[in-house]
Amino acid sequence: QVQLVESGGGLVQAGGSLRLSCAASGRTSSSYAMGWFRQAPGKERKFVAGISRSGANTYYADGLKGRFTISRDNAKNTVYLQMNSLEPEDTAAYFCAAKNGLVVTRTTPIYEYESWGQGTQVTVSS
């Protein structure tokens, strides 16, 4: 498995931006496709974005493409989630997850993700 450490969460005003980072460690960590999820209090964890092993392909939840951008730097073993034009509705705990495969999409079952980060809180104030 791969170990994941997240950073970049915080408090931001509506309309602002945040960049989340997920640092991966472990042998051949670049062999994992990656996904970002978010979970608001009292709600289910939902898919946000996914990226293929190489970074060539990206996938987004409906309504988020255009504001959120997922990317990765395999040389640094790090995956990013750039979030722009944030709204209070984006407030949630954000998690990164790793799947040993080529790609992850919105339909990839959650149980196929073998490693999860601890989560980082994003709070957007009005």
C-alpha atoms as a PDB file:
ATOM      1  CA  GLN A   1       0.000   0.000   0.000  1.00  0.00           C
ATOM      2  CA  VAL A   2       0.865   3.656  -0.289  1.00  0.00           C
ATOM      3  CA  GLN A   3       0.775   6.128   2.609  1.00  0.00           C
ATOM      4  CA  LEU A   4      -0.902   9.495   2.049  1.00  0.00           C
ATOM      5  CA  VAL A   5      -0.409  12.767   3.930  1.00  0.00           C
ATOM      6  CA  GLU A   6      -2.666  15.720   3.151  1.00  0.00           C
ATOM      7  CA  SER A   7      -2.180  19.437   3.667  1.00  0.00           C
ATOM      8  CA  GLY A   8      -3.532  22.776   2.494  1.00  0.00           C
ATOM      9  CA  GLY A   9      -6.932  22.972   4.145  1.00  0.00           C
ATOM     10  CA  GLY A  10      -8.080  26.010   6.061  1.00  0.00           C
ATOM     11  CA  LEU A  11     -10.564  28.837   6.347  1.00  0.00           C
ATOM     12  CA  VAL A  12     -11.246  31.005   3.313  1.00  0.00           C
ATOM     13  CA  GLN A  13     -13.850  33.580   2.337  1.00  0.00           C
ATOM     14  CA  ALA A  14     -16.329  32.897  -0.429  1.00  0.00           C
ATOM     15  CA  GLY A  15     -14.768  33.529  -3.818  1.00  0.00           C
ATOM     16  CA  GLY A  16     -11.309  32.631  -2.610  1.00  0.00           C
ATOM     17  CA  SER A  17      -9.020  29.763  -3.544  1.00  0.00           C
ATOM     18  CA  LEU A  18      -7.202  26.912  -1.857  1.00  0.00           C
ATOM     19  CA  ARG A  19      -4.726  24.332  -3.099  1.00  0.00           C
ATOM     20  CA  LEU A  20      -4.771  20.955  -1.403  1.00  0.00           C
ATOM     21  CA  SER A  21      -1.769  18.644  -1.548  1.00  0.00           C
ATOM     22  CA  CYS A  22      -1.532  14.900  -1.017  1.00  0.00           C
ATOM     23  CA  ALA A  23       1.978  13.561  -0.570  1.00  0.00           C
ATOM     24  CA  ALA A  24       2.404   9.853  -1.234  1.00  0.00           C
ATOM     25  CA  SER A  25       5.118   7.596   0.089  1.00  0.00           C
ATOM     26  CA  GLY A  26       5.967   3.979  -0.491  1.00  0.00           C
ATOM     27  CA  ARG A  27       7.627   1.924  -3.164  1.00  0.00           C
ATOM     28  CA  THR A  28       6.464   2.777  -6.686  1.00  0.00           C
ATOM     29  CA  SER A  29       3.798   5.159  -5.424  1.00  0.00           C
ATOM     30  CA  SER A  30       3.428   6.582  -8.933  1.00  0.00           C
ATOM     31  CA  SER A  31       1.741   3.322  -9.944  1.00  0.00           C
ATOM     32  CA  TYR A  32      -1.458   4.468  -8.197  1.00  0.00           C
ATOM     33  CA  ALA A  33      -4.355   6.302  -9.718  1.00  0.00           C
ATOM     34  CA  MET A  34      -5.651   8.945  -7.306  1.00  0.00           C
ATOM     35  CA  GLY A  35      -8.947  10.463  -6.290  1.00  0.00           C
ATOM     36  CA  TRP A  36     -10.221  13.308  -4.128  1.00  0.00           C
ATOM     37  CA  PHE A  37     -13.401  12.999  -2.058  1.00  0.00           C
ATOM     38  CA  ARG A  38     -15.242  15.309   0.309  1.00  0.00           C
ATOM     39  CA  GLN A  39     -17.651  14.769   3.169  1.00  0.00           C
ATOM     40  CA  ALA A  40     -19.777  17.400   4.866  1.00  0.00           C
ATOM     41  CA  PRO A  41     -21.087  16.846   8.408  1.00  0.00           C
ATOM     42  CA  GLY A  42     -23.963  14.385   8.418  1.00  0.00           C
ATOM     43  CA  LYS A  43     -23.596  13.598   4.713  1.00  0.00           C
ATOM     44  CA  GLU A  44     -22.072  10.780   2.666  1.00  0.00           C
ATOM     45  CA  ARG A  45     -18.572  10.940   1.276  1.00  0.00           C
ATOM     46  CA  LYS A  46     -18.711  12.015  -2.364  1.00  0.00           C
ATOM     47  CA  PHE A  47     -16.336  11.785  -5.294  1.00  0.00           C
ATOM     48  CA  VAL A  48     -14.755  15.092  -6.310  1.00  0.00           C
ATOM     49  CA  ALA A  49     -12.070  14.346  -8.900  1.00  0.00           C
ATOM     50  CA  GLY A  50      -9.825  11.568 -10.155  1.00  0.00           C
ATOM     51  CA  ILE A  51      -6.598  11.346 -12.098  1.00  0.00           C
ATOM     52  CA  SER A  52      -4.943   8.514 -13.991  1.00  0.00           C
ATOM     53  CA  ARG A  53      -1.609   6.983 -13.111  1.00  0.00           C
ATOM     54  CA  SER A  54       0.237   9.109 -15.657  1.00  0.00           C
ATOM     55  CA  GLY A  55      -1.810  12.255 -15.087  1.00  0.00           C
ATOM     56  CA  ALA A  56      -2.963  12.313 -18.699  1.00  0.00           C
ATOM     57  CA  ASN A  57      -6.639  11.765 -17.858  1.00  0.00           C
ATOM     58  CA  THR A  58      -8.774  13.571 -15.284  1.00  0.00           C
ATOM     59  CA  TYR A  59     -12.377  13.138 -14.150  1.00  0.00           C
ATOM     60  CA  TYR A  60     -14.680  15.433 -12.176  1.00  0.00           C
ATOM     61  CA  ALA A  61     -17.974  15.257 -10.383  1.00  0.00           C
ATOM     62  CA  ASP A  62     -20.831  17.035 -12.117  1.00  0.00           C
ATOM     63  CA  GLY A  63     -20.801  20.748 -11.422  1.00  0.00           C
ATOM     64  CA  LEU A  64     -17.188  20.951 -10.254  1.00  0.00           C
ATOM     65  CA  LYS A  65     -15.257  20.904 -13.512  1.00  0.00           C
ATOM     66  CA  GLY A  66     -14.210  24.469 -14.272  1.00  0.00           C
ATOM     67  CA  ARG A  67     -13.755  25.457 -10.622  1.00  0.00           C
ATOM     68  CA  PHE A  68     -11.688  22.501  -9.405  1.00  0.00           C
ATOM     69  CA  THR A  69      -8.568  21.115 -11.065  1.00  0.00           C
ATOM     70  CA  ILE A  70      -6.769  17.900 -10.143  1.00  0.00           C
ATOM     71  CA  SER A  71      -3.139  17.393 -11.112  1.00  0.00           C
ATOM     72  CA  ARG A  72      -0.124  15.363 -10.080  1.00  0.00           C
ATOM     73  CA  ASP A  73       3.637  15.600 -10.087  1.00  0.00           C
ATOM     74  CA  ASN A  74       4.926  12.044 -10.089  1.00  0.00           C
ATOM     75  CA  ALA A  75       8.512  13.214  -9.658  1.00  0.00           C
ATOM     76  CA  LYS A  76       7.444  14.638  -6.277  1.00  0.00           C
ATOM     77  CA  ASN A  77       4.899  11.886  -5.524  1.00  0.00           C
ATOM     78  CA  THR A  78       2.270  14.546  -4.917  1.00  0.00           C
ATOM     79  CA  VAL A  79      -1.321  15.043  -6.079  1.00  0.00           C
ATOM     80  CA  TYR A  80      -3.007  18.452  -5.973  1.00  0.00           C
ATOM     81  CA  LEU A  81      -6.530  19.792  -5.938  1.00  0.00           C
ATOM     82  CA  GLN A  82      -6.776  23.446  -6.950  1.00  0.00           C
ATOM     83  CA  MET A  83     -10.084  24.931  -5.813  1.00  0.00           C
ATOM     84  CA  ASN A  84     -11.196  28.313  -7.148  1.00  0.00           C
ATOM     85  CA  SER A  85     -14.302  30.448  -6.659  1.00  0.00           C
ATOM     86  CA  LEU A  86     -15.097  28.625  -3.451  1.00  0.00           C
ATOM     87  CA  GLU A  87     -18.625  28.704  -2.068  1.00  0.00           C
ATOM     88  CA  PRO A  88     -19.928  27.923   1.426  1.00  0.00           C
ATOM     89  CA  GLU A  89     -21.406  24.740  -0.053  1.00  0.00           C
ATOM     90  CA  ASP A  90     -17.839  23.517  -0.647  1.00  0.00           C
ATOM     91  CA  THR A  91     -17.246  23.329   3.107  1.00  0.00           C
ATOM     92  CA  ALA A  92     -16.275  19.747   3.942  1.00  0.00           C
ATOM     93  CA  ALA A  93     -13.493  17.449   5.005  1.00  0.00           C
ATOM     94  CA  TYR A  94     -11.463  16.585   1.921  1.00  0.00           C
ATOM     95  CA  PHE A  95      -9.751  13.211   1.518  1.00  0.00           C
ATOM     96  CA  CYS A  96      -7.336  11.821  -1.018  1.00  0.00           C
ATOM     97  CA  ALA A  97      -7.290   8.132  -1.871  1.00  0.00           C
ATOM     98  CA  ALA A  98      -5.138   5.780  -3.923  1.00  0.00           C
ATOM     99  CA  LYS A  99      -6.075   2.883  -6.197  1.00  0.00           C
ATOM    100  CA  ASN A 100      -3.524   0.467  -7.613  1.00  0.00           C
ATOM    101  CA  GLY A 101      -4.502   0.831 -11.237  1.00  0.00           C
ATOM    102  CA  LEU A 102      -4.485   3.058 -14.276  1.00  0.00           C
ATOM    103  CA  VAL A 103      -7.472   5.329 -13.690  1.00  0.00           C
ATOM    104  CA  VAL A 104     -10.191   6.295 -11.242  1.00  0.00           C
ATOM    105  CA  THR A 105     -13.527   7.733 -12.333  1.00  0.00           C
ATOM    106  CA  ARG A 106     -16.765   8.804 -10.704  1.00  0.00           C
ATOM    107  CA  THR A 107     -18.005   5.217 -10.987  1.00  0.00           C
ATOM    108  CA  THR A 108     -14.984   3.525  -9.418  1.00  0.00           C
ATOM    109  CA  PRO A 109     -16.259   1.652  -6.336  1.00  0.00           C
ATOM    110  CA  ILE A 110     -15.019   3.060  -3.051  1.00  0.00           C
ATOM    111  CA  TYR A 111     -13.784  -0.364  -1.940  1.00  0.00           C
ATOM    112  CA  GLU A 112     -11.264  -0.369  -4.783  1.00  0.00           C
ATOM    113  CA  TYR A 113      -9.333   2.437  -3.073  1.00  0.00           C
ATOM    114  CA  GLU A 114      -6.784   0.716  -0.863  1.00  0.00           C
ATOM    115  CA  SER A 115      -5.280   3.748   0.915  1.00  0.00           C
ATOM    116  CA  TRP A 116      -6.808   6.940   2.327  1.00  0.00           C
ATOM    117  CA  GLY A 117      -5.409  10.121   3.779  1.00  0.00           C
ATOM    118  CA  GLN A 118      -6.495  11.476   7.147  1.00  0.00           C
ATOM    119  CA  GLY A 119      -8.499  14.310   5.621  1.00  0.00           C
ATOM    120  CA  THR A 120      -8.077  18.074   5.691  1.00  0.00           C
ATOM    121  CA  GLN A 121     -10.831  20.509   6.625  1.00  0.00           C
ATOM    122  CA  VAL A 122     -11.925  23.191   4.180  1.00  0.00           C
ATOM    123  CA  THR A 123     -14.252  25.858   5.548  1.00  0.00           C
ATOM    124  CA  VAL A 124     -15.659  28.582   3.297  1.00  0.00           C
ATOM    125  CA  SER A 125     -17.276  31.549   5.017  1.00  0.00           C
ATOM    126  CA  SER A 126     -19.827  33.881   3.481  1.00  0.00           C
END
